[in-house]
């Protein structure tokens, strides 16, 4: 049995599929996995950590506005379609599974053309354009949120919840303190701008650190594509500030030791925070992430900050207020867990088996 996962450009479409891989592999130890991603995205390194062969296929990106680049990218998508046919013919998979990302579009179109079962998973509150383009060809659609089900064809859509990697629940505070050289006397704030890193969020976190000396320790995941010259002086000036360009296995321990998490509004990260009941300050990227976080703020499950009106001083003040109110942080974590439940693993496996048995 062979499964082709696809997605990339960011880690958003990647983490739920890695979680689904664990579920499938436990039930089908002989299963083989292949990943199709982008040429420059951060997913290649993470996929390699899970010993999955990685292939990059050409693909374009449709924009929801008039642009000259749409013409070029339409051509790329069709080139990607023919590359995908050759790839799938050679790999002969039993199923293709995606959680979004434009690299998946030509691949799933080609899978439909060849009669290979396809499964797409919708994470965000707002349905992504890539998933809209793949939905007519999909055999099954699953959603992270029950509220998203009505946006897809009723007969083939299931509310599943969002898969989370079992590894993320196995972090240890004692190990984290050794890895990151942390003191046990101050709370820890884990801050990340997403898989590729957000320059805006990185700047805010670095600025906030100047106002948090003696208040907390900071683990800052900057993103491997972002310049480190901004954070290096901060590391020298404030020993409680720790900055790193990229995490793989260290992520679970950063979560475990964190009293509070600062992040973007990608649904993969939100799901991990929900499963771990972590209180969070979310600074969404303009667009679909804003809808994700606004939905959660409405449930009083997170604190929302707007990157267009927030600076480092405001962020530092929000951090201080939350760290001084343990009850509020605990309540936020519990509400987040209730609003974003983890995926039903048994149901996920039933869907997988029904698709592969029918192919």
Protein backbone atom coordinates (compact mmCIF):
# COMPACT_ATOMS: atom_id res chain seq x y z
CA UNK A 1 0.00 0.00 0.00
CA UNK A 2 1.32 3.44 -0.96
CA UNK A 3 0.04 6.85 0.14
CA UNK A 4 0.96 10.16 -1.48
CA UNK A 5 0.71 13.19 0.80
CA UNK A 6 1.02 16.67 -0.66
CA UNK A 7 1.28 20.24 0.54
CA UNK A 8 3.84 22.86 1.40
CA UNK A 9 5.04 26.41 0.98
CA UNK A 10 4.28 26.76 4.69
CA UNK A 11 3.95 24.11 7.39
CA UNK A 12 0.19 24.66 7.65
CA UNK A 13 -0.78 21.89 5.20
CA UNK A 14 2.00 19.62 6.50
CA UNK A 15 1.53 19.00 10.22
CA UNK A 16 -1.99 17.44 10.09
CA UNK A 17 -0.85 15.00 7.40
CA UNK A 18 2.14 13.93 9.47
CA UNK A 19 -0.32 13.24 12.28
CA UNK A 20 -2.51 11.23 9.91
CA UNK A 21 0.56 9.26 8.82
CA UNK A 22 1.03 8.07 12.40
CA UNK A 23 -2.57 6.84 12.52
CA UNK A 24 -2.31 5.01 9.20
CA UNK A 25 1.10 3.51 9.95
CA UNK A 26 -0.07 2.12 13.27
CA UNK A 27 -2.90 0.22 11.55
CA UNK A 28 -0.93 -0.60 8.38
CA UNK A 29 2.75 -1.14 9.31
CA UNK A 30 3.57 -2.13 5.72
CA UNK A 31 2.29 1.17 4.28
CA UNK A 32 4.73 3.26 2.21
CA UNK A 33 4.53 7.05 2.10
CA UNK A 34 5.66 9.64 -0.43
CA UNK A 35 5.48 13.43 -0.10
CA UNK A 36 4.96 15.98 -2.88
CA UNK A 37 5.91 19.51 -1.87
CA UNK A 38 7.37 22.78 -3.07
CA UNK A 39 10.95 23.45 -4.10
CA UNK A 40 11.67 26.21 -1.56
CA UNK A 41 9.22 25.66 1.30
CA UNK A 42 10.17 24.60 4.85
CA UNK A 43 8.35 21.26 4.57
CA UNK A 44 11.23 19.30 3.01
CA UNK A 45 13.32 19.28 6.19
CA UNK A 46 10.40 18.35 8.42
CA UNK A 47 9.27 15.57 6.07
CA UNK A 48 12.83 14.21 5.99
CA UNK A 49 12.75 13.95 9.79
CA UNK A 50 9.90 11.46 9.34
CA UNK A 51 11.82 9.40 6.76
CA UNK A 52 9.35 10.12 3.94
CA UNK A 53 10.73 10.35 0.37
CA UNK A 54 10.20 13.89 -0.91
CA UNK A 55 9.48 15.07 -4.46
CA UNK A 56 9.00 18.64 -5.67
CA UNK A 57 6.62 19.21 -8.57
CA UNK A 58 6.05 22.45 -10.49
CA UNK A 59 2.88 24.34 -9.68
CA UNK A 60 1.50 27.86 -9.90
CA UNK A 61 -0.78 29.85 -7.65
CA UNK A 62 -4.13 31.38 -8.52
CA UNK A 63 -4.66 34.86 -7.09
CA UNK A 64 -8.11 36.22 -6.29
CA UNK A 65 -7.27 39.48 -8.06
CA UNK A 66 -6.17 40.56 -11.53
CA UNK A 67 -2.46 40.00 -11.97
CA UNK A 68 -0.06 39.34 -14.83
CA UNK A 69 1.42 36.53 -12.73
CA UNK A 70 -1.87 34.62 -12.96
CA UNK A 71 -1.17 34.01 -16.65
CA UNK A 72 2.28 32.61 -15.89
CA UNK A 73 1.01 30.53 -12.97
CA UNK A 74 -1.85 29.02 -14.99
CA UNK A 75 0.81 27.73 -17.37
CA UNK A 76 2.78 26.36 -14.41
CA UNK A 77 -0.31 24.56 -13.11
CA UNK A 78 -0.86 22.81 -16.43
CA UNK A 79 2.82 21.87 -16.58
CA UNK A 80 2.44 20.54 -13.05
CA UNK A 81 -0.59 18.52 -14.15
CA UNK A 82 1.39 16.64 -16.81
CA UNK A 83 4.35 16.18 -14.44
CA UNK A 84 1.89 14.80 -11.89
CA UNK A 85 0.48 12.27 -14.36
CA UNK A 86 4.00 10.93 -15.00
CA UNK A 87 4.77 10.94 -11.28
CA UNK A 88 1.58 9.10 -10.31
CA UNK A 89 1.95 6.62 -13.15
CA UNK A 90 5.42 5.78 -11.87
CA UNK A 91 4.53 5.69 -8.14
CA UNK A 92 1.15 3.94 -8.58
CA UNK A 93 -0.28 5.05 -5.19
CA UNK A 94 -3.47 3.75 -3.60
CA UNK A 95 -4.58 7.22 -2.49
CA UNK A 96 -3.59 10.92 -2.55
CA UNK A 97 -4.24 13.04 0.57
CA UNK A 98 -3.86 16.81 0.93
CA UNK A 99 -4.61 19.47 3.54
CA UNK A 100 -4.33 22.33 1.05
CA UNK A 101 -1.56 24.18 -0.73
CA UNK A 102 -1.36 24.94 -4.43
CA UNK A 103 1.22 22.25 -5.12
CA UNK A 104 -1.60 19.77 -4.43
CA UNK A 105 -3.97 21.11 -7.10
CA UNK A 106 -2.40 19.68 -10.29
CA UNK A 107 -1.51 16.49 -8.40
CA UNK A 108 -5.11 15.87 -7.31
CA UNK A 109 -6.45 16.76 -10.75
CA UNK A 110 -4.08 14.19 -12.21
CA UNK A 111 -5.11 11.61 -9.59
CA UNK A 112 -8.77 12.12 -10.54
CA UNK A 113 -7.85 11.73 -14.23
CA UNK A 114 -6.12 8.41 -13.44
CA UNK A 115 -8.91 7.17 -11.16
CA UNK A 116 -6.85 7.32 -7.95
CA UNK A 117 -8.89 8.08 -4.77
CA UNK A 118 -8.30 11.53 -3.32
CA UNK A 119 -8.99 12.99 0.12
CA UNK A 120 -8.73 16.68 0.99
CA UNK A 121 -8.82 18.12 4.49
CA UNK A 122 -10.02 21.65 5.28
CA UNK A 123 -8.48 23.27 8.35
CA UNK A 124 -9.21 26.99 8.32
CA UNK A 125 -12.51 28.75 8.96
CA UNK A 126 -12.28 30.24 5.45
CA UNK A 127 -12.13 27.64 2.68
CA UNK A 128 -8.85 28.02 0.77
CA UNK A 129 -8.86 28.44 -2.99
CA UNK A 130 -6.69 25.35 -3.47
CA UNK A 131 -9.26 23.20 -1.66
CA UNK A 132 -12.07 24.80 -3.66
CA UNK A 133 -10.30 23.81 -6.87
CA UNK A 134 -9.75 20.23 -5.66
CA UNK A 135 -13.19 19.63 -4.14
CA UNK A 136 -15.03 18.63 -7.37
CA UNK A 137 -12.46 15.85 -7.96
CA UNK A 138 -12.16 14.72 -4.33
CA UNK A 139 -13.64 11.41 -3.24
CA UNK A 140 -13.81 12.56 0.40
CA UNK A 141 -13.59 15.95 2.14
CA UNK A 142 -12.98 16.29 5.88
CA UNK A 143 -13.04 19.43 8.01
CA UNK A 144 -11.37 20.50 11.23
CA UNK A 145 -14.41 22.53 12.31
CA UNK A 146 -18.04 21.50 12.26
CA UNK A 147 -18.90 25.01 11.06
CA UNK A 148 -17.01 24.34 7.79
CA UNK A 149 -19.07 21.30 6.72
CA UNK A 150 -21.87 23.28 4.93
CA UNK A 151 -19.32 24.80 2.52
CA UNK A 152 -18.70 21.42 0.85
CA UNK A 153 -20.87 18.81 -0.92
CA UNK A 154 -22.95 17.08 1.76
CA UNK A 155 -22.60 13.51 0.47
CA UNK A 156 -18.82 13.36 0.66
CA UNK A 157 -18.00 15.71 3.54
CA UNK A 158 -17.27 14.66 7.13
CA UNK A 159 -16.44 16.62 10.26
CA UNK A 160 -13.27 15.01 11.58
CA UNK A 161 -11.46 17.50 13.79
CA UNK A 162 -7.84 18.31 13.08
CA UNK A 163 -5.14 15.61 13.38
CA UNK A 164 -2.29 16.31 15.76
CA UNK A 165 1.05 14.53 15.80
CA UNK A 166 1.31 12.24 18.82
CA UNK A 167 4.89 13.49 19.19
CA UNK A 168 3.61 16.94 20.18
CA UNK A 169 2.07 15.53 23.34
CA UNK A 170 5.32 13.93 24.50
CA UNK A 171 7.31 17.01 25.43
CA UNK A 172 9.07 17.16 28.80
CA UNK A 173 9.70 20.24 30.91
CA UNK A 174 12.93 18.88 32.38
CA UNK A 175 14.33 18.10 28.95
CA UNK A 176 13.30 21.52 27.64
CA UNK A 177 15.17 23.28 30.43
CA UNK A 178 18.33 21.43 29.44
CA UNK A 179 17.91 21.98 25.69
CA UNK A 180 17.16 25.70 25.98
CA UNK A 181 19.24 26.37 29.12
CA UNK A 182 16.27 27.70 31.08
CA UNK A 183 15.90 28.64 34.73
CA UNK A 184 13.08 27.15 36.80
CA UNK A 185 12.51 30.47 38.59
CA UNK A 186 10.78 32.36 35.74
CA UNK A 187 7.85 31.44 33.45
CA UNK A 188 8.59 30.69 29.80
CA UNK A 189 7.01 32.33 26.77
CA UNK A 190 7.34 30.40 23.50
CA UNK A 191 7.04 32.73 20.52
CA UNK A 192 6.89 31.73 16.87
CA UNK A 193 6.06 33.51 13.65
CA UNK A 194 5.13 30.32 11.79
CA UNK A 195 7.13 27.77 9.80
CA UNK A 196 8.72 30.31 7.46
CA UNK A 197 8.88 33.02 10.10
CA UNK A 198 7.14 36.39 10.04
CA UNK A 199 9.41 39.42 9.92
CA UNK A 200 6.70 41.60 11.46
CA UNK A 201 6.06 39.21 14.36
CA UNK A 202 9.79 38.65 14.84
CA UNK A 203 10.30 42.39 15.19
CA UNK A 204 7.49 42.68 17.73
CA UNK A 205 8.84 39.81 19.82
CA UNK A 206 12.38 41.21 19.81
CA UNK A 207 11.04 44.63 20.83
CA UNK A 208 8.84 43.10 23.54
CA UNK A 209 11.82 41.21 24.99
CA UNK A 210 13.40 44.51 26.00
CA UNK A 211 10.44 45.14 28.35
CA UNK A 212 10.31 41.63 29.81
CA UNK A 213 13.71 41.29 31.45
CA UNK A 214 13.13 39.68 34.83
CA UNK A 215 9.48 38.91 33.99
CA UNK A 216 9.87 35.77 31.87
CA UNK A 217 12.19 33.77 29.65
CA UNK A 218 11.56 33.73 25.89
CA UNK A 219 12.09 30.95 23.37
CA UNK A 220 11.83 32.63 19.97
CA UNK A 221 11.46 30.51 16.84
CA UNK A 222 12.37 33.00 14.11
CA UNK A 223 12.01 30.90 10.93
CA UNK A 224 14.94 29.71 8.86
CA UNK A 225 14.22 32.13 6.00
CA UNK A 226 14.44 35.22 8.19
CA UNK A 227 17.66 37.17 8.83
CA UNK A 228 19.17 36.61 12.26
CA UNK A 229 21.00 39.93 12.53
CA UNK A 230 18.05 41.45 14.39
CA UNK A 231 17.99 38.79 17.13
CA UNK A 232 21.72 38.28 17.70
CA UNK A 233 22.24 41.57 19.61
CA UNK A 234 19.16 40.75 21.72
CA UNK A 235 20.60 37.36 22.65
CA UNK A 236 23.81 39.01 23.84
CA UNK A 237 22.04 41.77 25.76
CA UNK A 238 19.29 39.67 27.40
CA UNK A 239 20.34 36.16 28.51
CA UNK A 240 16.68 35.25 29.14
CA UNK A 241 15.99 35.66 25.39
CA UNK A 242 16.75 32.54 23.29
CA UNK A 243 16.35 32.63 19.49
CA UNK A 244 16.44 29.70 17.05
CA UNK A 245 15.86 29.60 13.26
CA UNK A 246 14.14 26.20 13.04
CA UNK A 247 12.81 23.37 15.19
CA UNK A 248 12.02 19.73 14.46
CA UNK A 249 11.95 17.43 17.50
CA UNK A 250 12.59 20.37 19.85
CA UNK A 251 9.10 21.77 19.18
CA UNK A 252 7.33 19.40 21.58
CA UNK A 253 9.63 20.40 24.44
CA UNK A 254 9.22 24.12 23.69
CA UNK A 255 5.46 23.61 23.99
CA UNK A 256 5.82 21.58 27.18
CA UNK A 257 7.83 24.19 29.05
CA UNK A 258 5.81 27.19 27.83
CA UNK A 259 3.44 28.94 30.22
CA UNK A 260 2.22 31.07 27.31
CA UNK A 261 2.55 30.83 23.51
CA UNK A 262 2.68 33.65 20.97
CA UNK A 263 1.99 32.64 17.39
CA UNK A 264 0.40 33.40 14.06
CA UNK A 265 -3.08 32.02 13.35
CA UNK A 266 -2.38 28.93 11.25
CA UNK A 267 -4.71 26.08 12.07
CA UNK A 268 -1.96 23.50 12.48
CA UNK A 269 -0.45 25.49 15.34
CA UNK A 270 -3.88 26.28 16.78
CA UNK A 271 -4.66 22.55 16.88
CA UNK A 272 -1.44 21.79 18.74
CA UNK A 273 -2.15 24.55 21.25
CA UNK A 274 -5.70 23.26 21.73
CA UNK A 275 -4.58 19.68 22.30
CA UNK A 276 -2.05 20.86 24.89
CA UNK A 277 -4.48 23.36 26.47
CA UNK A 278 -1.95 26.16 26.09
CA UNK A 279 -3.02 29.80 26.54
CA UNK A 280 -2.05 31.85 23.53
CA UNK A 281 -1.67 35.34 22.14
CA UNK A 282 -2.28 35.06 18.40
CA UNK A 283 -1.16 37.65 15.84
CA UNK A 284 -2.80 36.44 12.62
CA UNK A 285 -1.45 37.03 9.17
CA UNK A 286 -3.92 39.24 7.25
CA UNK A 287 -6.35 37.03 5.32
CA UNK A 288 -7.76 33.64 6.30
CA UNK A 289 -5.81 33.53 9.58
CA UNK A 290 -7.73 36.58 10.79
CA UNK A 291 -10.97 34.61 10.46
CA UNK A 292 -9.45 31.68 12.35
CA UNK A 293 -8.41 33.85 15.28
CA UNK A 294 -11.54 36.03 15.30
CA UNK A 295 -13.58 32.83 15.60
CA UNK A 296 -11.50 31.74 18.61
CA UNK A 297 -11.47 35.17 20.22
CA UNK A 298 -15.27 35.15 20.05
CA UNK A 299 -15.18 32.00 22.17
CA UNK A 300 -12.75 33.69 24.62
CA UNK A 301 -10.23 30.98 23.82
CA UNK A 302 -7.30 33.21 22.76
CA UNK A 303 -6.08 36.79 22.91
CA UNK A 304 -6.09 38.44 19.47
CA UNK A 305 -3.62 41.17 18.53
CA UNK A 306 -3.69 42.96 15.18
CA UNK A 307 -0.23 43.25 13.61
CA UNK A 308 -1.25 46.55 12.00
CA UNK A 309 -1.87 48.26 15.35
CA UNK A 310 0.35 46.29 17.73
CA UNK A 311 3.96 47.05 18.59
CA UNK A 312 6.50 45.42 20.88
CA UNK A 313 5.46 47.53 23.88
CA UNK A 314 1.79 46.54 23.51
CA UNK A 315 2.76 42.88 23.10
CA UNK A 316 4.93 43.03 26.24
CA UNK A 317 2.04 44.52 28.21
CA UNK A 318 -0.31 41.77 27.03
CA UNK A 319 2.24 39.14 28.07
CA UNK A 320 2.63 40.67 31.54
CA UNK A 321 -1.14 40.83 32.05
CA UNK A 322 -1.65 37.19 31.15
CA UNK A 323 1.31 35.85 33.12
CA UNK A 324 -0.06 37.62 36.21
CA UNK A 325 -3.45 35.90 35.85
CA UNK A 326 -2.98 32.14 36.03
CA UNK A 327 -6.72 31.43 36.25
CA UNK A 328 -7.39 33.29 33.00
CA UNK A 329 -4.60 31.41 31.25
CA UNK A 330 -5.94 28.06 32.45
CA UNK A 331 -9.49 28.94 31.38
CA UNK A 332 -8.27 30.04 27.93
CA UNK A 333 -6.41 26.79 27.40
CA UNK A 334 -9.43 24.73 28.39
CA UNK A 335 -11.79 26.70 26.16
CA UNK A 336 -9.42 26.37 23.21
CA UNK A 337 -9.38 22.60 23.72
CA UNK A 338 -13.19 22.53 23.73
CA UNK A 339 -13.58 24.69 20.60
CA UNK A 340 -10.91 22.88 18.54
CA UNK A 341 -11.08 19.19 19.48
CA UNK A 342 -8.43 16.84 18.07
CA UNK A 343 -9.36 14.55 15.19
CA UNK A 344 -11.27 11.35 15.82
CA UNK A 345 -8.54 8.84 14.94
CA UNK A 346 -10.95 5.92 14.60
CA UNK A 347 -13.09 7.85 12.12
CA UNK A 348 -10.01 8.94 10.17
CA UNK A 349 -8.89 5.34 9.84
CA UNK A 350 -12.38 4.22 8.78
CA UNK A 351 -12.40 6.84 6.01
CA UNK A 352 -8.92 5.82 4.90
CA UNK A 353 -9.83 2.13 4.78
CA UNK A 354 -13.03 2.78 2.86
CA UNK A 355 -11.13 4.78 0.22
CA UNK A 356 -8.26 2.35 -0.22
CA UNK A 357 -10.54 -0.69 -0.27
CA UNK A 358 -12.67 0.86 -3.02
CA UNK A 359 -9.75 1.71 -5.29
